[in-house]
Amino acid sequence: MRKLIILSALVLAACTASPAEQYAEAQAAFAANDYAKARILIAASAESEPGNPDKLLLQARTLLALGDGDGAGAALQKLAALGPRPGLAELTGEAALLRKAPQQALAALEGADSSEADRLRGLAALMQGDSGKAADFIAKATARGDNARAFADMARLRLIEKDVAGAEAQLKQAAALEPQAIDTLLVRGQIALIKGDLKAALDAYSAASKRYPASLAALTGKAATLGDLGRFKEMDEAASLAAQVAPRNPQVAYLKARAALAQKDWEKVRTTVQPLEAELPELDPVRPLYAEALLRLGRPELAAAQLVPIARAQPGNRQVAALLAEARLAGKDPRGAMAALRAIADSAQARPEELALMARAAKAAGDPRAADYERRARQPAVQVLAADLSEADAAIRRGDWAKAAIAYDRILAATDGRNVLVLNNMAYAQSMLGNHDKARDFADRALKLAPDNASVLDTAGWVRFRSGQELEEARRLLRRAAERAPQNQTIKLHLAEASRAGT
């Protein structure tokens, strides 16, 4: 509603201002990256001078920035009819790519000699499935050294090849040319996500969404990262802004549903996804979220209908198998529930919650194996705990704090929750994710169990320092840690930083 009021006010203002004033305001809005406002103003201004080339150019550039290839193409056709103009081929090519028409883009770019033309040729080749030719064209564009977007696109190609170091080198070149450009910021966020540095990713996407409020990629990147951080209320806010930009976008629906699901707002999940249900592919990732909401709302048959095609296509999908088993059990089909979960429950890697669900289904079906599943559920498999611990430790070493936290959480849930190493590492991971209250809780639990352990003392002090809470207590704990492990370089660095902050 608020967006409608703002748009109505803009339309009214556009109608009352003179064409010259509208054009000046449109230019200012475009320069400020407020493309939604610029779109309204330039459209109103262009009505009085439909053949004004400068207004047509601004309109085309605005529509390109908004991702409207059809609208931009129409404006560019009118502009082309007025005669040759520098950069027209590149803009026309970009509009064609937005329409998913690579052949039209290549035709428009014929004869154009610029780094942007080569960059667009590379994107056209990529759209046609020729990654080798794409890399050649984009490399030709980067060789000119004047196009930040070309370096950003080359970084994306490097990421496709799993070459993170190569991507970072290309990002550095893009940032040297245009550090605050949308493509530079988006690639920075993408690389940070791949490296598991969620804080850096959030910083990049937040900067991008603030500077380019109409960027769907920036808003969805921010929302997804907030979800990975467990900050679901903020995730919902970011996803709602994305929905204003693209109301019927499936990715946006997924993000809104994911945020609502995390907050157990089942009705909101249903109302978010239901209007798009008929348009979604069978295997769309939003369907399991929709299915869980339907299940919790007491519609197990409808939930199962969402899940069956995914379970068939992805037999190893544990989340889907468990949800389907729950739905069938709730629908009074315990044998169907057992069939859905049997492959997972009978494996050595079955988790306690999966075994408990299988036991419930077997008991309801009168299957004699119910007791065996119950026994296994009470005694977590050593293999599962070992795999979780290995996954968590590997994630900690590479700085993937989100995956580490998920794995440590599983370990704590499957044990008595008193393992000092797990609690300590979980505290550190939560601190690095910016979840300071959680970090403090886990650190204090570890400290209570091992009050003289240097690593535990270090973590307890460090999480306090990072959160800005009890700074004197943080320094005291870090001093005690340094006394017990005087050779530990990490503790020395933490204590030095905390001490500097106190001077």
Protein backbone atom coordinates (compact mmCIF):
# COMPACT_ATOMS: atom_id res chain seq x y z
CA MET A 1 0.00 0.00 0.00
CA ARG A 2 2.79 2.42 0.91
CA LYS A 3 4.43 1.87 -2.48
CA LEU A 4 1.13 2.59 -4.25
CA ILE A 5 0.77 5.85 -2.32
CA ILE A 6 4.32 6.89 -3.24
CA LEU A 7 3.80 5.98 -6.90
CA SER A 8 0.50 7.87 -6.96
CA ALA A 9 2.24 10.92 -5.52
CA LEU A 10 4.98 10.66 -8.14
CA VAL A 11 2.44 10.37 -10.96
CA LEU A 12 0.56 13.40 -9.62
CA ALA A 13 3.78 15.40 -9.33
CA ALA A 14 4.80 14.37 -12.82
CA CYS A 15 1.47 15.56 -14.18
CA THR A 16 1.70 18.99 -12.53
CA ALA A 17 5.34 19.78 -13.41
CA SER A 18 6.41 21.18 -16.77
CA PRO A 19 8.11 18.84 -19.30
CA ALA A 20 11.44 20.59 -18.68
CA GLU A 21 11.08 20.15 -14.92
CA GLN A 22 10.08 16.51 -15.39
CA TYR A 23 13.14 15.88 -17.55
CA ALA A 24 15.49 17.55 -15.04
CA GLU A 25 13.98 15.53 -12.19
CA ALA A 26 14.23 12.33 -14.26
CA GLN A 27 17.92 13.01 -14.88
CA ALA A 28 18.50 13.58 -11.16
CA ALA A 29 16.59 10.41 -10.24
CA PHE A 30 18.59 8.38 -12.77
CA ALA A 31 21.87 9.76 -11.42
CA ALA A 32 20.74 8.74 -7.92
CA ASN A 33 19.91 5.21 -9.22
CA ASP A 34 16.23 5.74 -8.39
CA TYR A 35 15.10 4.13 -11.63
CA ALA A 36 11.47 3.63 -10.64
CA LYS A 37 11.07 7.37 -10.09
CA ALA A 38 13.05 8.18 -13.24
CA ARG A 39 10.80 5.89 -15.28
CA ILE A 40 7.64 7.78 -14.31
CA LEU A 41 9.17 11.21 -14.79
CA ILE A 42 10.80 10.54 -18.14
CA ALA A 43 7.64 8.90 -19.50
CA ALA A 44 5.63 11.99 -18.54
CA SER A 45 8.22 14.36 -20.00
CA ALA A 46 8.56 12.40 -23.25
CA GLU A 47 4.83 12.67 -23.98
CA SER A 48 5.23 16.33 -24.93
CA GLU A 49 8.27 15.62 -27.14
CA PRO A 50 8.02 12.02 -28.41
CA GLY A 51 10.85 12.60 -30.87
CA ASN A 52 13.35 14.15 -28.45
CA PRO A 53 16.50 11.97 -28.76
CA ASP A 54 17.89 12.89 -25.35
CA LYS A 55 14.65 11.92 -23.63
CA LEU A 56 14.39 8.68 -25.59
CA LEU A 57 17.96 7.83 -24.63
CA LEU A 58 17.32 8.47 -20.94
CA GLN A 59 14.11 6.46 -21.12
CA ALA A 60 15.95 3.53 -22.75
CA ARG A 61 18.78 3.60 -20.21
CA THR A 62 16.28 3.76 -17.35
CA LEU A 63 14.32 0.80 -18.66
CA LEU A 64 17.54 -1.17 -19.17
CA ALA A 65 18.50 -0.49 -15.56
CA LEU A 66 15.09 -1.83 -14.52
CA GLY A 67 15.57 -4.96 -16.63
CA ASP A 68 12.75 -4.09 -19.04
CA GLY A 69 14.15 -5.30 -22.35
CA ASP A 70 10.87 -4.87 -24.24
CA GLY A 71 10.33 -1.27 -23.13
CA ALA A 72 13.96 -0.35 -23.71
CA GLY A 73 13.89 -1.95 -27.15
CA ALA A 74 10.83 0.10 -28.15
CA ALA A 75 12.48 3.34 -27.01
CA LEU A 76 15.69 2.44 -28.85
CA GLN A 77 13.81 1.70 -32.06
CA LYS A 78 12.38 5.23 -31.97
CA LEU A 79 15.83 6.59 -31.25
CA ALA A 80 17.38 4.65 -34.15
CA ALA A 81 14.80 6.12 -36.50
CA LEU A 82 16.22 9.57 -35.74
CA GLY A 83 19.66 8.64 -37.09
CA PRO A 84 22.97 7.12 -35.95
CA ARG A 85 24.08 7.75 -32.40
CA PRO A 86 27.19 6.64 -30.43
CA GLY A 87 26.51 3.66 -28.17
CA LEU A 88 23.16 2.84 -29.77
CA ALA A 89 24.31 -0.61 -30.95
CA GLU A 90 25.46 -1.57 -27.46
CA LEU A 91 22.21 -0.41 -25.82
CA THR A 92 20.15 -2.26 -28.44
CA GLY A 93 22.22 -5.40 -27.87
CA GLU A 94 21.71 -5.20 -24.12
CA ALA A 95 17.94 -4.80 -24.57
CA ALA A 96 17.90 -7.91 -26.78
CA LEU A 97 19.78 -9.91 -24.16
CA LEU A 98 17.23 -8.87 -21.54
CA ARG A 99 14.59 -10.31 -23.89
CA LYS A 100 16.62 -13.56 -24.06
CA ALA A 101 17.28 -12.96 -27.77
CA PRO A 102 21.05 -13.48 -28.22
CA GLN A 103 20.89 -13.68 -32.02
CA GLN A 104 19.16 -10.29 -32.17
CA ALA A 105 21.80 -8.91 -29.82
CA LEU A 106 24.62 -10.13 -32.08
CA ALA A 107 22.91 -8.63 -35.11
CA ALA A 108 22.57 -5.27 -33.35
CA LEU A 109 26.26 -5.36 -32.34
CA GLU A 110 27.56 -6.11 -35.82
CA GLY A 111 30.36 -3.69 -36.62
CA ALA A 112 30.45 -2.19 -33.11
CA ASP A 113 34.01 -1.84 -31.80
CA SER A 114 34.09 -1.25 -28.04
CA SER A 115 34.75 -3.13 -24.83
CA GLU A 116 31.01 -3.03 -24.10
CA ALA A 117 30.20 -4.56 -27.48
CA ASP A 118 32.66 -7.39 -26.82
CA ARG A 119 31.26 -7.88 -23.31
CA LEU A 120 27.73 -8.18 -24.71
CA ARG A 121 28.92 -10.58 -27.43
CA GLY A 122 30.35 -12.71 -24.65
CA LEU A 123 27.04 -12.72 -22.78
CA ALA A 124 25.21 -13.62 -25.98
CA ALA A 125 27.57 -16.57 -26.52
CA LEU A 126 27.00 -17.66 -22.92
CA MET A 127 23.24 -17.49 -23.46
CA GLN A 128 23.73 -19.72 -26.50
CA GLY A 129 25.67 -22.24 -24.41
CA ASP A 130 29.15 -21.53 -25.82
CA SER A 131 31.18 -20.76 -22.69
CA GLY A 132 34.50 -20.89 -24.58
CA LYS A 133 33.47 -18.20 -27.04
CA ALA A 134 31.96 -16.21 -24.15
CA ALA A 135 35.28 -16.25 -22.31
CA ASP A 136 37.14 -15.17 -25.46
CA PHE A 137 34.89 -12.16 -26.05
CA ILE A 138 34.89 -11.06 -22.41
CA ALA A 139 38.66 -11.46 -22.24
CA LYS A 140 38.89 -9.20 -25.29
CA ALA A 141 36.72 -6.67 -23.44
CA THR A 142 38.84 -6.79 -20.28
CA ALA A 143 42.03 -6.42 -22.32
CA ARG A 144 40.98 -2.85 -23.11
CA GLY A 145 41.02 -2.17 -19.36
CA ASP A 146 38.19 0.39 -19.37
CA ASN A 147 35.06 -1.61 -18.53
CA ALA A 148 34.25 -2.56 -14.92
CA ARG A 149 31.24 -4.61 -16.03
CA ALA A 150 33.49 -6.73 -18.24
CA PHE A 151 35.80 -7.51 -15.31
CA ALA A 152 32.75 -8.36 -13.18
CA ASP A 153 31.45 -10.71 -15.87
CA MET A 154 34.86 -12.35 -16.16
CA ALA A 155 34.79 -12.85 -12.40
CA ARG A 156 31.42 -14.62 -12.78
CA LEU A 157 32.91 -16.88 -15.45
CA ARG A 158 35.78 -17.72 -13.10
CA LEU A 159 33.26 -18.64 -10.40
CA ILE A 160 31.48 -20.96 -12.83
CA GLU A 161 34.86 -22.64 -13.28
CA LYS A 162 35.27 -22.84 -9.45
CA ASP A 163 38.29 -20.53 -9.72
CA VAL A 164 37.68 -18.30 -6.69
CA ALA A 165 41.18 -16.80 -6.73
CA GLY A 166 40.76 -15.90 -10.40
CA ALA A 167 37.38 -14.34 -9.66
CA GLU A 168 38.90 -12.26 -6.87
CA ALA A 169 41.60 -10.99 -9.23
CA GLN A 170 38.95 -9.88 -11.73
CA LEU A 171 36.89 -8.26 -8.95
CA LYS A 172 39.94 -6.27 -7.92
CA GLN A 173 40.17 -4.87 -11.46
CA ALA A 174 36.45 -4.02 -11.51
CA ALA A 175 36.70 -2.30 -8.12
CA ALA A 176 39.67 -0.23 -9.29
CA LEU A 177 37.50 1.21 -12.06
CA GLU A 178 34.09 1.44 -10.35
CA PRO A 179 34.09 0.31 -6.71
CA GLN A 180 30.42 1.18 -6.13
CA ALA A 181 29.00 -0.07 -9.45
CA ILE A 182 26.16 -2.57 -9.08
CA ASP A 183 28.04 -5.39 -10.83
CA THR A 184 31.13 -4.85 -8.69
CA LEU A 185 29.09 -5.01 -5.48
CA LEU A 186 27.08 -8.05 -6.59
CA VAL A 187 30.19 -10.03 -7.54
CA ARG A 188 31.78 -9.05 -4.23
CA GLY A 189 28.77 -10.50 -2.45
CA GLN A 190 28.79 -13.65 -4.58
CA ILE A 191 32.46 -14.35 -3.89
CA ALA A 192 32.00 -13.74 -0.16
CA LEU A 193 29.11 -16.22 -0.12
CA ILE A 194 31.17 -18.89 -1.85
CA LYS A 195 33.96 -18.35 0.70
CA GLY A 196 31.42 -18.64 3.53
CA ASP A 197 32.00 -15.08 4.72
CA LEU A 198 28.36 -14.18 5.32
CA LYS A 199 29.15 -10.87 7.00
CA ALA A 200 31.13 -9.65 3.98
CA ALA A 201 28.37 -10.90 1.67
CA LEU A 202 25.73 -9.05 3.67
CA ASP A 203 27.82 -5.88 3.64
CA ALA A 204 28.15 -6.07 -0.16
CA TYR A 205 24.47 -6.80 -0.82
CA SER A 206 23.36 -4.16 1.70
CA ALA A 207 25.55 -1.54 0.01
CA ALA A 208 24.19 -2.58 -3.38
CA SER A 209 20.54 -2.45 -2.28
CA LYS A 210 21.04 0.92 -0.61
CA ARG A 211 22.75 2.44 -3.62
CA TYR A 212 20.53 0.68 -6.21
CA PRO A 213 17.11 0.27 -4.55
CA ALA A 214 15.53 -1.14 -7.73
CA SER A 215 18.12 -3.93 -8.09
CA LEU A 216 16.34 -7.25 -7.69
CA ALA A 217 19.67 -9.10 -7.50
CA ALA A 218 20.85 -6.90 -4.64
CA LEU A 219 17.62 -7.29 -2.67
CA THR A 220 17.36 -11.05 -3.16
CA GLY A 221 21.06 -11.49 -2.35
CA LYS A 222 20.59 -9.52 0.85
CA ALA A 223 17.46 -11.46 1.81
CA ALA A 224 19.09 -14.84 1.16
CA THR A 225 22.19 -13.92 3.17
CA LEU A 226 20.08 -12.72 6.10
CA GLY A 227 18.32 -16.07 5.97
CA ASP A 228 21.64 -17.92 6.09
CA LEU A 229 22.50 -15.81 9.13
CA GLY A 230 19.24 -16.79 10.82
CA ARG A 231 17.97 -13.19 10.86
CA PHE A 232 14.54 -14.05 9.51
CA LYS A 233 12.64 -10.90 10.43
CA GLU A 234 15.16 -8.79 8.52
CA MET A 235 15.10 -11.38 5.73
CA ASP A 236 11.35 -10.92 5.41
CA GLU A 237 11.77 -7.13 5.24
CA ALA A 238 14.36 -7.42 2.44
CA ALA A 239 12.24 -9.98 0.57
CA SER A 240 9.20 -7.69 0.86
CA LEU A 241 11.18 -4.88 -0.79
CA ALA A 242 12.15 -7.32 -3.54
CA ALA A 243 8.46 -8.20 -3.97
CA GLN A 244 7.73 -4.53 -4.65
CA VAL A 245 10.25 -4.64 -7.50
CA ALA A 246 9.12 -8.05 -8.85
CA PRO A 247 5.76 -9.11 -7.34
CA ARG A 248 5.45 -12.44 -9.18
CA ASN A 249 9.08 -13.53 -9.21
CA PRO A 250 9.47 -17.17 -8.01
CA GLN A 251 12.82 -16.46 -6.32
CA VAL A 252 11.23 -13.66 -4.33
CA ALA A 253 8.32 -15.93 -3.39
CA TYR A 254 10.82 -18.54 -2.19
CA LEU A 255 12.62 -16.02 0.01
CA LYS A 256 9.40 -14.68 1.50
CA ALA A 257 8.16 -18.22 2.13
CA ARG A 258 11.48 -19.25 3.67
CA ALA A 259 11.38 -16.30 6.08
CA ALA A 260 7.76 -17.01 7.03
CA LEU A 261 8.48 -20.74 7.46
CA ALA A 262 11.37 -20.03 9.83
CA GLN A 263 8.98 -17.96 11.93
CA LYS A 264 6.33 -20.72 11.73
CA ASP A 265 3.90 -18.39 9.99
CA TRP A 266 2.32 -21.19 7.95
CA GLU A 267 -0.56 -19.08 6.64
CA LYS A 268 1.85 -16.48 5.28
CA VAL A 269 3.78 -19.20 3.45
CA ARG A 270 0.53 -20.43 1.91
CA THR A 271 -0.68 -16.99 0.81
CA THR A 272 2.77 -16.16 -0.60
CA VAL A 273 3.09 -19.27 -2.76
CA GLN A 274 -0.50 -20.16 -3.68
CA PRO A 275 -0.98 -17.36 -6.28
CA LEU A 276 2.11 -18.62 -8.14
CA GLU A 277 1.54 -22.36 -7.68
CA ALA A 278 0.30 -23.06 -11.21
CA GLU A 279 3.33 -21.30 -12.74
CA LEU A 280 6.00 -23.12 -10.69
CA PRO A 281 8.00 -26.02 -12.15
CA GLU A 282 7.41 -29.37 -10.45
CA LEU A 283 10.85 -29.31 -8.84
CA ASP A 284 10.88 -25.65 -7.82
CA PRO A 285 12.59 -25.22 -4.41
CA VAL A 286 9.61 -23.27 -3.07
CA ARG A 287 7.37 -26.35 -3.26
CA PRO A 288 8.82 -28.13 -0.17
CA LEU A 289 8.26 -24.93 1.83
CA TYR A 290 4.70 -24.72 0.55
CA ALA A 291 4.19 -28.40 1.33
CA GLU A 292 5.35 -27.99 4.92
CA ALA A 293 2.98 -25.05 5.40
CA LEU A 294 0.08 -27.09 4.01
CA LEU A 295 1.01 -29.95 6.31
CA ARG A 296 1.07 -27.73 9.41
CA LEU A 297 -2.25 -26.20 8.33
CA GLY A 298 -3.84 -29.65 8.36
CA ARG A 299 -3.83 -30.39 4.61
CA PRO A 300 -1.56 -33.47 4.40
CA GLU A 301 -3.00 -34.70 1.07
CA LEU A 302 -2.22 -31.40 -0.63
CA ALA A 303 1.23 -31.40 0.98
CA ALA A 304 1.97 -34.88 -0.35
CA ALA A 305 0.89 -33.84 -3.86
CA GLN A 306 3.57 -31.12 -3.80
CA LEU A 307 6.26 -33.52 -2.59
CA VAL A 308 5.75 -36.73 -4.59
CA PRO A 309 7.29 -35.46 -7.88
CA ILE A 310 10.33 -34.10 -6.02
CA ALA A 311 10.79 -37.33 -4.03
CA ARG A 312 10.73 -39.33 -7.26
CA ALA A 313 13.25 -37.07 -8.99
CA GLN A 314 15.48 -36.63 -5.92
CA PRO A 315 15.37 -39.88 -3.90
CA GLY A 316 18.28 -38.71 -1.73
CA ASN A 317 16.57 -35.49 -0.64
CA ARG A 318 16.25 -36.05 3.13
CA GLN A 319 14.09 -33.00 3.78
CA VAL A 320 11.55 -33.99 1.14
CA ALA A 321 11.51 -37.65 2.20
CA ALA A 322 10.85 -36.74 5.84
CA LEU A 323 8.12 -34.24 4.93
CA LEU A 324 6.44 -36.77 2.63
CA ALA A 325 6.57 -39.38 5.37
CA GLU A 326 5.00 -36.91 7.81
CA ALA A 327 2.29 -35.99 5.31
CA ARG A 328 1.41 -39.61 4.61
CA LEU A 329 1.37 -40.45 8.30
CA ALA A 330 -0.92 -37.48 8.98
CA GLY A 331 -3.08 -38.69 6.08
CA LYS A 332 -3.54 -42.10 7.76
CA ASP A 333 -1.18 -43.89 5.38
CA PRO A 334 1.58 -45.22 7.67
CA ARG A 335 2.84 -47.76 5.14
CA GLY A 336 3.19 -44.98 2.58
CA ALA A 337 5.10 -43.02 5.19
CA MET A 338 7.47 -45.95 5.72
CA ALA A 339 8.00 -46.30 1.97
CA ALA A 340 8.89 -42.62 1.69
CA LEU A 341 11.52 -42.78 4.44
CA ARG A 342 12.76 -46.39 4.30
CA ALA A 343 15.91 -45.83 2.22
CA ILE A 344 17.13 -43.13 4.59
CA ALA A 345 16.00 -44.79 7.83
CA ASP A 346 17.66 -48.09 6.93
CA SER A 347 21.02 -46.46 6.21
CA ALA A 348 23.83 -46.11 8.75
CA GLN A 349 23.67 -42.32 8.29
CA ALA A 350 20.07 -42.00 9.50
CA ARG A 351 19.57 -39.17 11.97
CA PRO A 352 17.70 -39.58 15.27
CA GLU A 353 14.74 -37.46 14.15
CA GLU A 354 14.40 -39.53 10.96
CA LEU A 355 14.51 -42.77 12.93
CA ALA A 356 11.95 -41.48 15.42
CA LEU A 357 9.58 -40.60 12.56
CA MET A 358 10.13 -44.02 10.99
CA ALA A 359 9.39 -45.64 14.35
CA ARG A 360 6.09 -43.75 14.60
CA ALA A 361 5.11 -44.82 11.08
CA ALA A 362 6.09 -48.45 11.73
CA LYS A 363 4.15 -48.53 14.99
CA ALA A 364 1.06 -47.09 13.28
CA ALA A 365 1.42 -49.68 10.51
CA GLY A 366 1.84 -52.52 13.01
CA ASP A 367 5.30 -53.26 11.65
CA PRO A 368 7.49 -55.28 14.07
CA ARG A 369 10.55 -53.19 13.18
CA ALA A 370 9.15 -50.22 15.12
CA ALA A 371 11.06 -51.21 18.26
CA ASP A 372 14.35 -51.40 16.36
CA TYR A 373 13.86 -47.94 14.88
CA GLU A 374 13.03 -46.59 18.34
CA ARG A 375 16.19 -48.12 19.78
CA ARG A 376 18.35 -46.63 17.01
CA ALA A 377 16.73 -43.24 17.48
CA ARG A 378 17.77 -43.24 21.16
CA GLN A 379 21.34 -44.24 20.29
CA PRO A 380 22.67 -41.93 17.57
CA ALA A 381 24.99 -43.67 15.15
CA VAL A 382 28.65 -42.96 15.73
CA GLN A 383 29.08 -42.55 11.98
CA VAL A 384 26.56 -39.69 11.89
CA LEU A 385 28.20 -37.82 14.76
CA ALA A 386 31.64 -38.33 13.25
CA ALA A 387 30.46 -37.03 9.88
CA ASP A 388 28.86 -33.98 11.51
CA LEU A 389 31.99 -33.25 13.52
CA SER A 390 34.22 -33.60 10.45
CA GLU A 391 31.91 -31.33 8.44
CA ALA A 392 31.83 -28.71 11.19
CA ASP A 393 35.59 -28.69 11.73
CA ALA A 394 36.25 -28.42 7.98
CA ALA A 395 33.79 -25.52 7.75
CA ILE A 396 35.54 -23.75 10.66
CA ARG A 397 38.93 -24.13 8.96
CA ARG A 398 37.71 -22.56 5.71
CA GLY A 399 35.70 -19.86 7.50
CA ASP A 400 32.27 -21.14 6.44
CA TRP A 401 30.64 -20.14 9.71
CA ALA A 402 27.04 -20.84 8.64
CA LYS A 403 27.72 -24.48 7.71
CA ALA A 404 29.80 -24.93 10.85
CA ALA A 405 26.97 -23.63 13.02
CA ILE A 406 24.43 -25.97 11.37
CA ALA A 407 26.66 -29.00 11.89
CA TYR A 408 27.52 -28.12 15.51
CA ASP A 409 23.83 -27.58 16.21
CA ARG A 410 23.08 -31.11 14.98
CA ILE A 411 25.82 -32.50 17.23
CA LEU A 412 24.52 -30.66 20.29
CA ALA A 413 20.97 -31.83 19.59
CA ALA A 414 22.08 -35.45 19.25
CA THR A 415 24.19 -35.47 22.43
CA ASP A 416 23.89 -34.13 25.97
CA GLY A 417 25.04 -30.70 24.75
CA ARG A 418 27.98 -30.58 27.15
CA ASN A 419 30.92 -31.08 24.80
CA VAL A 420 33.24 -28.16 25.56
CA LEU A 421 34.97 -28.15 22.17
CA VAL A 422 31.66 -28.14 20.29
CA LEU A 423 30.19 -25.39 22.51
CA ASN A 424 33.35 -23.31 22.15
CA ASN A 425 33.51 -23.64 18.38
CA MET A 426 29.79 -22.97 18.07
CA ALA A 427 30.24 -19.76 20.07
CA TYR A 428 33.02 -18.61 17.75
CA ALA A 429 31.00 -19.46 14.62
CA GLN A 430 27.93 -17.60 15.90
CA SER A 431 30.08 -14.60 16.75
CA MET A 432 31.54 -14.53 13.24
CA LEU A 433 27.99 -14.69 11.87
CA GLY A 434 27.08 -11.63 13.91
CA ASN A 435 24.68 -13.57 16.19
CA HIS A 436 26.19 -12.10 19.34
CA ASP A 437 23.58 -13.19 21.88
CA LYS A 438 23.78 -16.80 20.70
CA ALA A 439 27.58 -16.61 20.72
CA ARG A 440 27.62 -15.33 24.29
CA ASP A 441 25.25 -18.10 25.44
CA PHE A 442 27.36 -20.90 23.93
CA ALA A 443 30.61 -19.33 25.17
CA ASP A 444 29.28 -19.06 28.72
CA ARG A 445 28.11 -22.66 28.67
CA ALA A 446 31.60 -23.76 27.62
CA LEU A 447 33.18 -21.47 30.24
CA LYS A 448 31.06 -22.97 33.00
CA LEU A 449 32.26 -26.46 32.05
CA ALA A 450 35.96 -25.52 31.54
CA PRO A 451 36.70 -22.25 33.38
CA ASP A 452 40.49 -22.62 33.11
CA ASN A 453 40.76 -23.68 29.47
CA ALA A 454 42.72 -21.07 27.50
CA SER A 455 40.77 -21.54 24.27
CA VAL A 456 37.45 -21.29 26.10
CA LEU A 457 38.57 -18.17 27.96
CA ASP A 458 39.72 -16.64 24.68
CA THR A 459 36.39 -17.31 22.97
CA ALA A 460 34.37 -16.02 25.94
CA GLY A 461 36.37 -12.80 25.92
CA TRP A 462 36.43 -12.43 22.16
CA VAL A 463 32.68 -12.83 21.64
CA ARG A 464 32.09 -10.16 24.29
CA PHE A 465 34.54 -7.83 22.59
CA ARG A 466 33.01 -8.38 19.13
CA SER A 467 29.53 -7.66 20.45
CA GLY A 468 30.65 -4.50 22.27
CA GLN A 469 29.30 -5.90 25.55
CA GLU A 470 31.15 -6.00 28.89
CA LEU A 471 34.39 -4.80 27.35
CA GLU A 472 36.29 -4.79 30.63
CA GLU A 473 35.18 -8.35 31.33
CA ALA A 474 36.22 -9.25 27.79
CA ARG A 475 39.72 -7.92 28.40
CA ARG A 476 39.91 -9.74 31.76
CA LEU A 477 39.01 -13.06 30.15
CA LEU A 478 41.48 -12.52 27.33
CA ARG A 479 44.27 -11.70 29.83
CA ARG A 480 43.53 -14.94 31.68
CA ALA A 481 43.62 -16.84 28.39
CA ALA A 482 47.02 -15.28 27.53
CA GLU A 483 48.41 -16.20 30.97
CA ARG A 484 47.45 -19.85 30.42
CA ALA A 485 48.71 -20.02 26.82
CA PRO A 486 51.42 -17.36 26.44
CA GLN A 487 52.64 -18.78 23.10
CA ASN A 488 49.23 -18.78 21.42
CA GLN A 489 49.38 -16.16 18.66
CA THR A 490 45.61 -15.95 18.13
CA ILE A 491 45.03 -15.18 21.81
CA LYS A 492 47.82 -12.57 21.68
CA LEU A 493 46.19 -10.85 18.72
CA HIS A 494 42.74 -10.87 20.35
CA LEU A 495 44.12 -9.42 23.58
CA ALA A 496 46.09 -6.75 21.71
CA GLU A 497 43.04 -5.64 19.75
CA ALA A 498 40.82 -5.55 22.83
CA SER A 499 43.51 -3.64 24.77
CA ARG A 500 43.88 -1.05 21.99
CA ALA A 501 40.14 -0.45 22.06
CA GLY A 502 40.35 0.34 25.76
CA THR A 503 42.94 3.11 25.40
